Amino acid sequence: MIGNDWDEVLKVIWQSPNFNKFYNHVLDMYNKETIYPPKDLIFNALKLTPYRNTKVVIMGQDPYHGEKEAMGLSFSVDKSVKIPPSLKNIYKELYDDLGIKPSIYGDLTKWAKEGVLLLNSVLTVKKDMPASHRNIGWEPMTDYIIKALNAKETPVVFILWGNFAKSKASLITNKKHLVITSAHPSPFSCRYGFFGSKPFSKTNNFLIKNNIKPIDWQL
């Protein structure tokens, strides 16, 4: 499915009759209506960030639902697409935190290759219908991914923005890891604890403290 060590980590998922029935249903929906991201990008986050390379997790809810936006990475959009408001605020906090100037693109692939797993809880969405695939079957798989990362011997930083992402904190029980929480970067909530939260420097300080190469956040 993925082509790296996630296939072994998720073997129990791939071999599950329930998951295979669900996934075939998802593929069938692609044949009947407009679903995002493109079929070959559903597991893009796992393909770009192998299990062994994962240093940081940034948890999102579900993919962007506009045309050409979703690319299988939380908060990230294709280079041809206008940068969404939440990502603009993420870039603003990155600049305020580390002095890194905002990228002119919304493509976060470089972060993924640095070891930042940009994971949505729900991996597909119907065009123009946010949260339309919530509770259809993705959450057990993505919760399993979080639990698998929680079991890692090497420390991982989990960045949880907003109440939905914070709800996943109960899955992270390993004291080796760092959980960073704040308000969501959405324009509706960014001024209630997201701005000034310094997640990027906190992440790198923790990684350095644990003798792990920090993330190069420059895009």
N, C-alpha and C. Protein backbone atom coordinates (compact mmCIF):
# COMPACT_ATOMS: atom_id res chain seq x y z
N MET A 1 0.82 -1.22 0.00
CA MET A 1 0.00 0.00 0.00
C MET A 1 0.85 1.27 0.00
N ILE A 2 1.87 1.31 0.87
CA ILE A 2 2.64 2.53 1.06
C ILE A 2 4.00 2.46 0.36
N GLY A 3 4.70 1.34 0.54
CA GLY A 3 6.01 1.19 -0.10
C GLY A 3 7.18 1.50 0.81
N ASN A 4 6.92 1.62 2.12
CA ASN A 4 8.01 1.78 3.08
C ASN A 4 7.64 1.02 4.35
N ASP A 5 8.30 1.34 5.47
CA ASP A 5 8.10 0.54 6.69
C ASP A 5 6.71 0.67 7.31
N TRP A 6 5.91 1.64 6.85
CA TRP A 6 4.53 1.71 7.32
C TRP A 6 3.75 0.44 6.96
N ASP A 7 4.12 -0.20 5.85
CA ASP A 7 3.40 -1.42 5.46
C ASP A 7 3.50 -2.50 6.53
N GLU A 8 4.67 -2.62 7.14
CA GLU A 8 4.84 -3.60 8.21
C GLU A 8 4.12 -3.14 9.48
N VAL A 9 4.28 -1.86 9.81
CA VAL A 9 3.64 -1.31 11.01
C VAL A 9 2.11 -1.47 10.93
N LEU A 10 1.57 -1.28 9.72
CA LEU A 10 0.11 -1.30 9.54
C LEU A 10 -0.39 -2.63 8.97
N LYS A 11 0.42 -3.67 9.09
CA LYS A 11 0.04 -4.96 8.52
C LYS A 11 -1.34 -5.43 9.03
N VAL A 12 -1.59 -5.21 10.31
CA VAL A 12 -2.86 -5.65 10.89
C VAL A 12 -4.04 -4.89 10.24
N ILE A 13 -3.79 -3.65 9.82
CA ILE A 13 -4.83 -2.87 9.13
C ILE A 13 -5.04 -3.41 7.73
N TRP A 14 -3.93 -3.58 6.99
CA TRP A 14 -4.04 -4.04 5.59
C TRP A 14 -4.71 -5.41 5.51
N GLN A 15 -4.51 -6.23 6.53
CA GLN A 15 -5.05 -7.59 6.51
C GLN A 15 -6.45 -7.68 7.12
N SER A 16 -6.98 -6.56 7.57
CA SER A 16 -8.29 -6.56 8.22
C SER A 16 -9.41 -6.60 7.18
N PRO A 17 -10.30 -7.58 7.24
CA PRO A 17 -11.45 -7.62 6.32
C PRO A 17 -12.31 -6.36 6.40
N ASN A 18 -12.47 -5.83 7.61
CA ASN A 18 -13.28 -4.62 7.78
C ASN A 18 -12.66 -3.44 7.07
N PHE A 19 -11.32 -3.28 7.21
CA PHE A 19 -10.67 -2.16 6.52
C PHE A 19 -10.75 -2.34 5.01
N ASN A 20 -10.52 -3.52 4.52
CA ASN A 20 -10.55 -3.75 3.08
C ASN A 20 -11.94 -3.50 2.50
N LYS A 21 -12.97 -3.89 3.23
CA LYS A 21 -14.34 -3.61 2.80
C LYS A 21 -14.57 -2.11 2.74
N PHE A 22 -14.14 -1.41 3.80
CA PHE A 22 -14.27 0.05 3.86
C PHE A 22 -13.49 0.72 2.73
N TYR A 23 -12.23 0.30 2.53
CA TYR A 23 -11.39 0.95 1.53
C TYR A 23 -11.93 0.73 0.12
N ASN A 24 -12.44 -0.44 -0.16
CA ASN A 24 -13.07 -0.69 -1.47
C ASN A 24 -14.29 0.20 -1.66
N HIS A 25 -15.00 0.46 -0.57
CA HIS A 25 -16.14 1.38 -0.63
C HIS A 25 -15.67 2.79 -0.98
N VAL A 26 -14.55 3.22 -0.37
CA VAL A 26 -14.00 4.54 -0.67
C VAL A 26 -13.61 4.63 -2.15
N LEU A 27 -12.91 3.61 -2.65
CA LEU A 27 -12.50 3.61 -4.06
C LEU A 27 -13.71 3.63 -4.98
N ASP A 28 -14.77 2.97 -4.58
CA ASP A 28 -16.00 2.98 -5.37
C ASP A 28 -16.61 4.38 -5.41
N MET A 29 -16.50 5.12 -4.30
CA MET A 29 -17.02 6.49 -4.27
C MET A 29 -16.27 7.38 -5.25
N TYR A 30 -14.97 7.13 -5.41
CA TYR A 30 -14.18 7.91 -6.38
C TYR A 30 -14.74 7.75 -7.79
N ASN A 31 -15.33 6.61 -8.07
CA ASN A 31 -15.88 6.36 -9.41
C ASN A 31 -17.23 7.02 -9.62
N LYS A 32 -17.86 7.46 -8.53
CA LYS A 32 -19.23 7.98 -8.63
C LYS A 32 -19.35 9.47 -8.36
N GLU A 33 -18.39 10.05 -7.63
CA GLU A 33 -18.47 11.46 -7.29
C GLU A 33 -17.06 12.04 -7.15
N THR A 34 -16.96 13.33 -6.97
CA THR A 34 -15.66 13.98 -6.86
C THR A 34 -15.18 13.94 -5.42
N ILE A 35 -14.07 13.22 -5.22
CA ILE A 35 -13.49 13.03 -3.90
C ILE A 35 -12.06 13.58 -3.91
N TYR A 36 -11.67 14.20 -2.82
CA TYR A 36 -10.30 14.70 -2.66
C TYR A 36 -9.63 14.01 -1.47
N PRO A 37 -8.30 13.89 -1.47
CA PRO A 37 -7.36 14.25 -2.53
C PRO A 37 -7.45 13.26 -3.70
N PRO A 38 -6.66 13.46 -4.77
CA PRO A 38 -6.62 12.45 -5.82
C PRO A 38 -6.29 11.08 -5.22
N LYS A 39 -6.83 10.05 -5.84
CA LYS A 39 -6.72 8.70 -5.30
C LYS A 39 -5.29 8.31 -4.96
N ASP A 40 -4.32 8.71 -5.79
CA ASP A 40 -2.93 8.31 -5.57
C ASP A 40 -2.25 9.10 -4.45
N LEU A 41 -2.97 10.09 -3.87
CA LEU A 41 -2.40 10.90 -2.78
C LEU A 41 -3.07 10.64 -1.43
N ILE A 42 -3.97 9.66 -1.37
CA ILE A 42 -4.68 9.39 -0.12
C ILE A 42 -3.68 9.14 1.03
N PHE A 43 -2.65 8.34 0.73
CA PHE A 43 -1.67 7.97 1.77
C PHE A 43 -0.36 8.74 1.61
N ASN A 44 -0.44 9.94 1.03
CA ASN A 44 0.77 10.72 0.75
C ASN A 44 1.60 11.00 1.99
N ALA A 45 0.94 11.29 3.12
CA ALA A 45 1.68 11.59 4.36
C ALA A 45 2.56 10.41 4.77
N LEU A 46 2.01 9.20 4.68
CA LEU A 46 2.77 8.00 5.07
C LEU A 46 3.87 7.71 4.06
N LYS A 47 3.61 7.98 2.80
CA LYS A 47 4.62 7.71 1.77
C LYS A 47 5.82 8.64 1.92
N LEU A 48 5.57 9.89 2.27
CA LEU A 48 6.66 10.88 2.36
C LEU A 48 7.41 10.82 3.68
N THR A 49 6.76 10.30 4.73
CA THR A 49 7.38 10.27 6.06
C THR A 49 7.32 8.85 6.62
N PRO A 50 8.33 8.03 6.35
CA PRO A 50 8.35 6.67 6.89
C PRO A 50 8.26 6.66 8.41
N TYR A 51 7.80 5.56 8.94
CA TYR A 51 7.66 5.40 10.40
C TYR A 51 8.98 5.68 11.11
N ARG A 52 10.05 5.08 10.64
CA ARG A 52 11.35 5.21 11.33
C ARG A 52 11.85 6.66 11.28
N ASN A 53 11.42 7.44 10.30
CA ASN A 53 11.89 8.82 10.15
C ASN A 53 11.02 9.84 10.85
N THR A 54 9.88 9.42 11.39
CA THR A 54 8.93 10.37 11.97
C THR A 54 9.45 10.94 13.29
N LYS A 55 9.67 12.25 13.28
CA LYS A 55 10.12 12.96 14.48
C LYS A 55 9.01 13.80 15.09
N VAL A 56 8.10 14.26 14.21
CA VAL A 56 7.05 15.20 14.60
C VAL A 56 5.76 14.77 13.90
N VAL A 57 4.64 14.95 14.59
CA VAL A 57 3.32 14.75 13.99
C VAL A 57 2.53 16.04 14.12
N ILE A 58 2.01 16.55 13.01
CA ILE A 58 1.08 17.67 13.04
C ILE A 58 -0.28 17.14 12.61
N MET A 59 -1.21 17.12 13.54
CA MET A 59 -2.50 16.47 13.34
C MET A 59 -3.52 17.43 12.75
N GLY A 60 -4.14 17.01 11.65
CA GLY A 60 -5.24 17.75 11.06
C GLY A 60 -6.53 16.95 11.15
N GLN A 61 -7.63 17.56 10.71
CA GLN A 61 -8.93 16.90 10.82
C GLN A 61 -9.29 16.14 9.55
N ASP A 62 -9.53 16.86 8.45
CA ASP A 62 -9.80 16.18 7.19
C ASP A 62 -9.27 17.04 6.05
N PRO A 63 -9.18 16.50 4.83
CA PRO A 63 -8.56 17.24 3.73
C PRO A 63 -9.35 18.49 3.34
N TYR A 64 -8.65 19.43 2.68
CA TYR A 64 -9.34 20.57 2.08
C TYR A 64 -10.32 20.04 1.03
N HIS A 65 -11.45 20.72 0.88
CA HIS A 65 -12.53 20.20 0.04
C HIS A 65 -12.70 20.96 -1.26
N GLY A 66 -11.79 21.93 -1.53
CA GLY A 66 -11.86 22.69 -2.77
C GLY A 66 -11.04 22.05 -3.88
N GLU A 67 -11.31 22.43 -5.11
CA GLU A 67 -10.64 21.85 -6.28
C GLU A 67 -9.13 22.06 -6.22
N LYS A 68 -8.39 20.99 -6.41
CA LYS A 68 -6.91 20.97 -6.49
C LYS A 68 -6.22 21.35 -5.18
N GLU A 69 -6.96 21.48 -4.09
CA GLU A 69 -6.33 21.90 -2.83
C GLU A 69 -5.66 20.73 -2.12
N ALA A 70 -6.41 19.69 -1.82
CA ALA A 70 -5.91 18.60 -0.97
C ALA A 70 -4.81 17.81 -1.67
N MET A 71 -3.76 17.49 -0.90
CA MET A 71 -2.64 16.72 -1.45
C MET A 71 -2.19 15.63 -0.48
N GLY A 72 -3.07 15.26 0.44
CA GLY A 72 -2.77 14.16 1.34
C GLY A 72 -1.89 14.51 2.52
N LEU A 73 -1.66 15.81 2.76
CA LEU A 73 -0.86 16.28 3.88
C LEU A 73 -1.67 17.32 4.65
N SER A 74 -1.75 17.18 5.96
CA SER A 74 -2.52 18.14 6.74
C SER A 74 -1.97 19.56 6.57
N PHE A 75 -2.87 20.51 6.39
CA PHE A 75 -2.60 21.95 6.26
C PHE A 75 -1.90 22.33 4.96
N SER A 76 -1.52 21.38 4.12
CA SER A 76 -0.74 21.64 2.92
C SER A 76 -1.63 21.68 1.68
N VAL A 77 -1.28 22.56 0.73
CA VAL A 77 -1.99 22.62 -0.56
C VAL A 77 -0.99 22.62 -1.71
N ASP A 78 -1.48 22.24 -2.86
CA ASP A 78 -0.66 22.23 -4.07
C ASP A 78 -0.12 23.64 -4.36
N LYS A 79 1.05 23.70 -4.99
CA LYS A 79 1.70 24.99 -5.27
C LYS A 79 0.85 25.91 -6.15
N SER A 80 -0.07 25.33 -6.91
CA SER A 80 -0.91 26.13 -7.81
C SER A 80 -2.08 26.79 -7.10
N VAL A 81 -2.25 26.48 -5.81
CA VAL A 81 -3.43 26.92 -5.06
C VAL A 81 -3.06 28.04 -4.09
N LYS A 82 -3.99 28.97 -3.91
CA LYS A 82 -3.81 30.06 -2.96
C LYS A 82 -3.63 29.49 -1.55
N ILE A 83 -2.73 30.09 -0.77
CA ILE A 83 -2.46 29.62 0.60
C ILE A 83 -3.69 29.84 1.47
N PRO A 84 -4.21 28.79 2.12
CA PRO A 84 -5.40 28.93 2.96
C PRO A 84 -5.12 29.78 4.20
N PRO A 85 -6.16 30.37 4.79
CA PRO A 85 -5.99 31.26 5.95
C PRO A 85 -5.27 30.59 7.14
N SER A 86 -5.60 29.34 7.44
CA SER A 86 -4.95 28.67 8.58
C SER A 86 -3.46 28.53 8.34
N LEU A 87 -3.08 28.19 7.11
CA LEU A 87 -1.66 28.03 6.81
C LEU A 87 -0.95 29.38 6.82
N LYS A 88 -1.63 30.43 6.40
CA LYS A 88 -1.04 31.78 6.51
C LYS A 88 -0.70 32.09 7.96
N ASN A 89 -1.58 31.70 8.86
CA ASN A 89 -1.34 31.95 10.29
C ASN A 89 -0.22 31.07 10.83
N ILE A 90 -0.11 29.84 10.30
CA ILE A 90 1.01 28.97 10.68
C ILE A 90 2.32 29.62 10.24
N TYR A 91 2.35 30.16 9.03
CA TYR A 91 3.55 30.84 8.54
C TYR A 91 3.87 32.07 9.39
N LYS A 92 2.83 32.80 9.81
CA LYS A 92 3.04 33.99 10.65
C LYS A 92 3.68 33.59 11.98
N GLU A 93 3.17 32.50 12.58
CA GLU A 93 3.74 32.04 13.85
C GLU A 93 5.16 31.52 13.66
N LEU A 94 5.42 30.87 12.53
CA LEU A 94 6.77 30.39 12.22
C LEU A 94 7.74 31.57 12.14
N TYR A 95 7.29 32.66 11.51
CA TYR A 95 8.14 33.85 11.42
C TYR A 95 8.38 34.48 12.79
N ASP A 96 7.30 34.61 13.56
CA ASP A 96 7.42 35.21 14.89
C ASP A 96 8.27 34.34 15.83
N ASP A 97 8.20 33.03 15.63
CA ASP A 97 8.91 32.08 16.49
C ASP A 97 10.38 31.95 16.10
N LEU A 98 10.63 31.71 14.83
CA LEU A 98 12.00 31.41 14.38
C LEU A 98 12.56 32.40 13.35
N GLY A 99 11.78 33.40 12.98
CA GLY A 99 12.27 34.39 12.02
C GLY A 99 12.32 33.89 10.59
N ILE A 100 11.61 32.80 10.30
CA ILE A 100 11.60 32.24 8.95
C ILE A 100 10.50 32.91 8.13
N LYS A 101 10.87 33.54 7.04
CA LYS A 101 9.92 34.26 6.21
C LYS A 101 8.91 33.31 5.58
N PRO A 102 7.66 33.73 5.47
CA PRO A 102 6.62 32.87 4.90
C PRO A 102 6.93 32.47 3.46
N SER A 103 6.65 31.22 3.14
CA SER A 103 6.80 30.73 1.78
C SER A 103 5.71 31.34 0.90
N ILE A 104 5.99 31.46 -0.38
CA ILE A 104 4.97 31.95 -1.32
C ILE A 104 4.04 30.81 -1.74
N TYR A 105 4.39 29.57 -1.33
CA TYR A 105 3.57 28.41 -1.66
C TYR A 105 3.02 27.78 -0.37
N GLY A 106 1.97 26.97 -0.56
CA GLY A 106 1.39 26.26 0.57
C GLY A 106 1.76 24.79 0.61
N ASP A 107 2.71 24.40 -0.21
CA ASP A 107 3.13 22.99 -0.28
C ASP A 107 4.14 22.69 0.83
N LEU A 108 3.76 21.77 1.75
CA LEU A 108 4.60 21.45 2.90
C LEU A 108 5.37 20.14 2.73
N THR A 109 5.54 19.71 1.49
CA THR A 109 6.24 18.44 1.22
C THR A 109 7.61 18.41 1.87
N LYS A 110 8.32 19.53 1.88
CA LYS A 110 9.65 19.56 2.47
C LYS A 110 9.61 19.21 3.95
N TRP A 111 8.61 19.70 4.65
CA TRP A 111 8.48 19.33 6.07
C TRP A 111 8.29 17.83 6.21
N ALA A 112 7.45 17.27 5.34
CA ALA A 112 7.19 15.82 5.40
C ALA A 112 8.49 15.04 5.21
N LYS A 113 9.32 15.49 4.30
CA LYS A 113 10.60 14.80 4.04
C LYS A 113 11.61 15.04 5.16
N GLU A 114 11.37 16.07 5.98
CA GLU A 114 12.23 16.35 7.14
C GLU A 114 11.89 15.44 8.33
N GLY A 115 10.75 14.76 8.23
CA GLY A 115 10.33 13.90 9.34
C GLY A 115 9.09 14.38 10.06
N VAL A 116 8.35 15.30 9.43
CA VAL A 116 7.11 15.81 10.02
C VAL A 116 5.93 15.08 9.36
N LEU A 117 5.28 14.20 10.10
CA LEU A 117 4.13 13.47 9.57
C LEU A 117 2.91 14.39 9.62
N LEU A 118 2.45 14.80 8.44
CA LEU A 118 1.32 15.73 8.33
C LEU A 118 0.05 14.90 8.14
N LEU A 119 -0.48 14.43 9.25
CA LEU A 119 -1.53 13.41 9.25
C LEU A 119 -2.91 14.00 9.52
N ASN A 120 -3.83 13.78 8.60
CA ASN A 120 -5.23 14.06 8.88
C ASN A 120 -5.88 12.85 9.53
N SER A 121 -6.86 13.10 10.39
CA SER A 121 -7.58 11.99 11.01
C SER A 121 -8.48 11.28 10.00
N VAL A 122 -9.01 12.05 9.07
CA VAL A 122 -9.84 11.53 7.98
C VAL A 122 -9.09 11.80 6.68
N LEU A 123 -8.95 10.81 5.83
CA LEU A 123 -8.03 10.93 4.69
C LEU A 123 -8.70 11.30 3.37
N THR A 124 -10.02 11.36 3.34
CA THR A 124 -10.73 11.75 2.11
C THR A 124 -11.88 12.68 2.46
N VAL A 125 -12.41 13.37 1.43
CA VAL A 125 -13.54 14.28 1.63
C VAL A 125 -14.26 14.45 0.29
N LYS A 126 -15.56 14.66 0.35
CA LYS A 126 -16.34 14.93 -0.85
C LYS A 126 -16.19 16.41 -1.22
N LYS A 127 -16.11 16.68 -2.52
CA LYS A 127 -15.95 18.05 -3.03
C LYS A 127 -16.97 18.99 -2.40
N ASP A 128 -16.43 20.11 -1.88
CA ASP A 128 -17.24 21.19 -1.33
C ASP A 128 -18.08 20.80 -0.11
N MET A 129 -17.71 19.68 0.53
CA MET A 129 -18.47 19.22 1.70
C MET A 129 -17.52 18.87 2.83
N PRO A 130 -17.06 19.87 3.61
CA PRO A 130 -16.12 19.60 4.70
C PRO A 130 -16.69 18.58 5.68
N ALA A 131 -15.81 17.71 6.17
CA ALA A 131 -16.15 16.68 7.16
C ALA A 131 -17.16 15.66 6.62
N SER A 132 -17.33 15.59 5.31
CA SER A 132 -18.32 14.67 4.73
C SER A 132 -17.93 13.21 4.89
N HIS A 133 -16.64 12.91 5.09
CA HIS A 133 -16.21 11.53 5.28
C HIS A 133 -15.83 11.24 6.73
N ARG A 134 -16.23 12.12 7.61
CA ARG A 134 -15.98 11.88 9.03
C ARG A 134 -16.86 10.70 9.49
N ASN A 135 -16.27 9.82 10.27
CA ASN A 135 -16.97 8.67 10.85
C ASN A 135 -17.44 7.64 9.82
N ILE A 136 -16.81 7.63 8.63
CA ILE A 136 -17.16 6.56 7.69
C ILE A 136 -16.18 5.38 7.79
N GLY A 137 -15.06 5.58 8.53
CA GLY A 137 -14.14 4.45 8.69
C GLY A 137 -12.67 4.77 8.76
N TRP A 138 -12.27 6.03 8.54
CA TRP A 138 -10.85 6.37 8.56
C TRP A 138 -10.27 6.45 9.98
N GLU A 139 -11.06 6.90 10.93
CA GLU A 139 -10.53 7.21 12.26
C GLU A 139 -9.88 6.02 12.97
N PRO A 140 -10.44 4.80 12.88
CA PRO A 140 -9.75 3.67 13.53
C PRO A 140 -8.33 3.45 12.99
N MET A 141 -8.16 3.69 11.68
CA MET A 141 -6.83 3.52 11.09
C MET A 141 -5.87 4.62 11.56
N THR A 142 -6.32 5.87 11.51
CA THR A 142 -5.40 6.96 11.88
C THR A 142 -5.14 6.97 13.39
N ASP A 143 -6.11 6.53 14.18
CA ASP A 143 -5.83 6.37 15.62
C ASP A 143 -4.79 5.27 15.84
N TYR A 144 -4.86 4.23 15.04
CA TYR A 144 -3.87 3.15 15.14
C TYR A 144 -2.48 3.67 14.80
N ILE A 145 -2.40 4.58 13.83
CA ILE A 145 -1.11 5.19 13.47
C ILE A 145 -0.54 5.97 14.65
N ILE A 146 -1.40 6.75 15.32
CA ILE A 146 -0.94 7.51 16.48
C ILE A 146 -0.45 6.56 17.58
N LYS A 147 -1.19 5.49 17.81
CA LYS A 147 -0.78 4.51 18.83
C LYS A 147 0.55 3.85 18.46
N ALA A 148 0.74 3.58 17.18
CA ALA A 148 2.00 2.98 16.73
C ALA A 148 3.17 3.94 16.96
N LEU A 149 2.95 5.23 16.72
CA LEU A 149 4.00 6.22 16.97
C LEU A 149 4.22 6.41 18.47
N ASN A 150 3.16 6.30 19.25
CA ASN A 150 3.29 6.36 20.70
C ASN A 150 4.20 5.24 21.22
N ALA A 151 4.21 4.11 20.51
CA ALA A 151 5.02 2.96 20.93
C ALA A 151 6.49 3.08 20.53
N LYS A 152 6.83 4.11 19.75
CA LYS A 152 8.22 4.27 19.32
C LYS A 152 9.16 4.47 20.51
N GLU A 153 10.34 3.89 20.40
CA GLU A 153 11.36 4.06 21.44
C GLU A 153 12.00 5.44 21.37
N THR A 154 12.10 5.98 20.15
CA THR A 154 12.70 7.30 20.00
C THR A 154 11.63 8.37 20.23
N PRO A 155 11.99 9.48 20.88
CA PRO A 155 11.02 10.52 21.19
C PRO A 155 10.40 11.15 19.94
N VAL A 156 9.12 11.46 20.02
CA VAL A 156 8.36 12.09 18.95
C VAL A 156 7.63 13.29 19.53
N VAL A 157 7.52 14.37 18.75
CA VAL A 157 6.74 15.54 19.15
C VAL A 157 5.38 15.47 18.45
N PHE A 158 4.32 15.56 19.23
CA PHE A 158 2.96 15.60 18.70
C PHE A 158 2.42 17.01 18.85
N ILE A 159 2.12 17.66 17.72
CA ILE A 159 1.60 19.03 17.73
C ILE A 159 0.10 18.95 17.45
N LEU A 160 -0.68 19.35 18.46
CA LEU A 160 -2.13 19.24 18.40
C LEU A 160 -2.75 20.62 18.49
N TRP A 161 -3.26 21.11 17.36
CA TRP A 161 -3.86 22.45 17.29
C TRP A 161 -5.37 22.33 17.25
N GLY A 162 -6.05 22.94 18.21
CA GLY A 162 -7.50 22.94 18.23
C GLY A 162 -8.08 21.75 18.98
N ASN A 163 -9.36 21.85 19.31
CA ASN A 163 -10.00 20.84 20.16
C ASN A 163 -10.03 19.46 19.53
N PHE A 164 -10.25 19.39 18.22
CA PHE A 164 -10.30 18.08 17.60
C PHE A 164 -8.95 17.37 17.75
N ALA A 165 -7.87 18.05 17.39
CA ALA A 165 -6.54 17.44 17.50
C ALA A 165 -6.22 17.11 18.95
N LYS A 166 -6.60 18.00 19.87
CA LYS A 166 -6.33 17.77 21.29
C LYS A 166 -7.02 16.50 21.80
N SER A 167 -8.13 16.14 21.16
CA SER A 167 -8.85 14.93 21.59
C SER A 167 -8.03 13.67 21.38
N LYS A 168 -7.00 13.76 20.55
CA LYS A 168 -6.13 12.60 20.28
C LYS A 168 -5.04 12.45 21.35
N ALA A 169 -4.93 13.42 22.24
CA ALA A 169 -3.86 13.38 23.25
C ALA A 169 -3.96 12.16 24.14
N SER A 170 -5.17 11.65 24.33
CA SER A 170 -5.35 10.48 25.21
C SER A 170 -4.68 9.23 24.65
N LEU A 171 -4.37 9.24 23.34
CA LEU A 171 -3.71 8.10 22.71
C LEU A 171 -2.20 8.14 22.93
N ILE A 172 -1.68 9.27 23.42
CA ILE A 172 -0.23 9.47 23.56
C ILE A 172 0.12 9.34 25.03
N THR A 173 0.57 8.17 25.42
CA THR A 173 0.80 7.87 26.84
C THR A 173 2.28 7.67 27.18
N ASN A 174 3.13 7.56 26.16
CA ASN A 174 4.55 7.30 26.37
C ASN A 174 5.24 8.58 26.84
N LYS A 175 5.83 8.53 28.02
CA LYS A 175 6.44 9.72 28.63
C LYS A 175 7.67 10.23 27.87
N LYS A 176 8.16 9.42 26.93
CA LYS A 176 9.32 9.85 26.14
C LYS A 176 8.95 10.98 25.17
N HIS A 177 7.67 11.05 24.83
CA HIS A 177 7.24 11.98 23.79
C HIS A 177 6.85 13.33 24.37
N LEU A 178 6.78 14.33 23.48
CA LEU A 178 6.33 15.67 23.86
C LEU A 178 5.02 15.97 23.13
N VAL A 179 4.03 16.43 23.87
CA VAL A 179 2.75 16.85 23.29
C VAL A 179 2.64 18.36 23.43
N ILE A 180 2.50 19.06 22.29
CA ILE A 180 2.34 20.51 22.27
C ILE A 180 0.91 20.81 21.83
N THR A 181 0.17 21.54 22.65
CA THR A 181 -1.21 21.87 22.30
C THR A 181 -1.41 23.38 22.32
N SER A 182 -2.35 23.83 21.49
CA SER A 182 -2.74 25.24 21.49
C SER A 182 -4.06 25.36 20.75
N ALA A 183 -4.55 26.59 20.64
CA ALA A 183 -5.71 26.85 19.80
C ALA A 183 -5.37 26.52 18.34
N HIS A 184 -6.39 26.37 17.54
CA HIS A 184 -6.22 26.09 16.11
C HIS A 184 -5.74 27.35 15.39
N PRO A 185 -4.95 27.21 14.32
CA PRO A 185 -4.49 28.39 13.58
C PRO A 185 -5.56 29.06 12.71
N SER A 186 -6.78 28.56 12.73
CA SER A 186 -7.88 29.18 11.98
C SER A 186 -8.03 30.64 12.37
N PRO A 187 -8.44 31.50 11.42
CA PRO A 187 -8.68 32.92 11.76
C PRO A 187 -9.69 33.11 12.90
N PHE A 188 -10.55 32.13 13.13
CA PHE A 188 -11.56 32.24 14.19
C PHE A 188 -10.99 32.01 15.58
N SER A 189 -9.82 31.33 15.66
CA SER A 189 -9.31 30.98 16.98
C SER A 189 -7.84 31.30 17.20
N CYS A 190 -7.14 31.77 16.16
CA CYS A 190 -5.68 31.92 16.26
C CYS A 190 -5.24 32.89 17.36
N ARG A 191 -6.09 33.85 17.69
CA ARG A 191 -5.72 34.84 18.70
C ARG A 191 -6.04 34.39 20.12
N TYR A 192 -6.52 33.16 20.24
CA TYR A 192 -6.86 32.63 21.57
C TYR A 192 -5.86 31.58 22.03
N GLY A 193 -4.59 31.78 21.66
CA GLY A 193 -3.55 30.90 22.16
C GLY A 193 -2.67 30.26 21.12
N PHE A 194 -3.02 30.43 19.82
CA PHE A 194 -2.12 29.89 18.79
C PHE A 194 -0.95 30.84 18.58
N PHE A 195 -1.26 32.12 18.32
CA PHE A 195 -0.17 33.09 18.16
C PHE A 195 0.59 33.22 19.48
N GLY A 196 1.91 33.10 19.38
CA GLY A 196 2.75 33.18 20.57
C GLY A 196 3.02 31.85 21.24
N SER A 197 2.49 30.76 20.68
CA SER A 197 2.67 29.45 21.31
C SER A 197 4.03 28.82 21.03
N LYS A 198 4.73 29.32 20.00
CA LYS A 198 6.10 28.91 19.67
C LYS A 198 6.28 27.38 19.51
N PRO A 199 5.43 26.73 18.72
CA PRO A 199 5.54 25.27 18.59
C PRO A 199 6.81 24.82 17.86
N PHE A 200 7.31 25.67 16.97
CA PHE A 200 8.44 25.25 16.15
C PHE A 200 9.75 25.25 16.95
N SER A 201 9.96 26.28 17.74
CA SER A 201 11.17 26.30 18.58
C SER A 201 11.07 25.28 19.70
N LYS A 202 9.88 25.09 20.27
CA LYS A 202 9.70 24.08 21.31
C LYS A 202 10.02 22.68 20.77
N THR A 203 9.56 22.43 19.54
CA THR A 203 9.83 21.14 18.90
C THR A 203 11.33 20.92 18.74
N ASN A 204 12.00 21.90 18.16
CA ASN A 204 13.43 21.72 17.89
C ASN A 204 14.25 21.65 19.17
N ASN A 205 13.88 22.43 20.18
CA ASN A 205 14.60 22.35 21.46
C ASN A 205 14.49 20.96 22.07
N PHE A 206 13.30 20.37 21.97
CA PHE A 206 13.08 19.02 22.49
C PHE A 206 13.89 17.99 21.71
N LEU A 207 13.89 18.11 20.39
CA LEU A 207 14.65 17.16 19.56
C LEU A 207 16.14 17.25 19.86
N ILE A 208 16.65 18.46 19.95
CA ILE A 208 18.08 18.66 20.25
C ILE A 208 18.42 18.08 21.62
N LYS A 209 17.56 18.32 22.59
CA LYS A 209 17.76 17.80 23.94
C LYS A 209 17.85 16.27 23.94
N ASN A 210 17.16 15.64 22.99
CA ASN A 210 17.16 14.18 22.89
C ASN A 210 18.11 13.65 21.82
N ASN A 211 19.07 14.51 21.43
CA ASN A 211 20.11 14.12 20.46
C ASN A 211 19.54 13.69 19.11
N ILE A 212 18.47 14.37 18.71
CA ILE A 212 17.83 14.12 17.42
C ILE A 212 17.99 15.38 16.58
N LYS A 213 18.33 15.21 15.30
CA LYS A 213 18.52 16.36 14.42
C LYS A 213 17.23 17.18 14.34
N PRO A 214 17.31 18.50 14.58
CA PRO A 214 16.09 19.31 14.55
C PRO A 214 15.51 19.44 13.14
N ILE A 215 14.28 19.91 13.07
CA ILE A 215 13.60 20.10 11.79
C ILE A 215 14.07 21.41 11.15
N ASP A 216 14.38 21.36 9.87
CA ASP A 216 14.63 22.59 9.11
C ASP A 216 13.26 23.05 8.60
N TRP A 217 12.69 24.04 9.25
CA TRP A 217 11.35 24.51 8.92
C TRP A 217 11.30 25.43 7.71
N GLN A 218 12.46 25.79 7.20
CA GLN A 218 12.51 26.67 6.02
C GLN A 218 11.96 25.94 4.80
N LEU A 219 11.01 26.57 4.12
CA LEU A 219 10.41 25.96 2.92
C LEU A 219 11.03 26.53 1.66
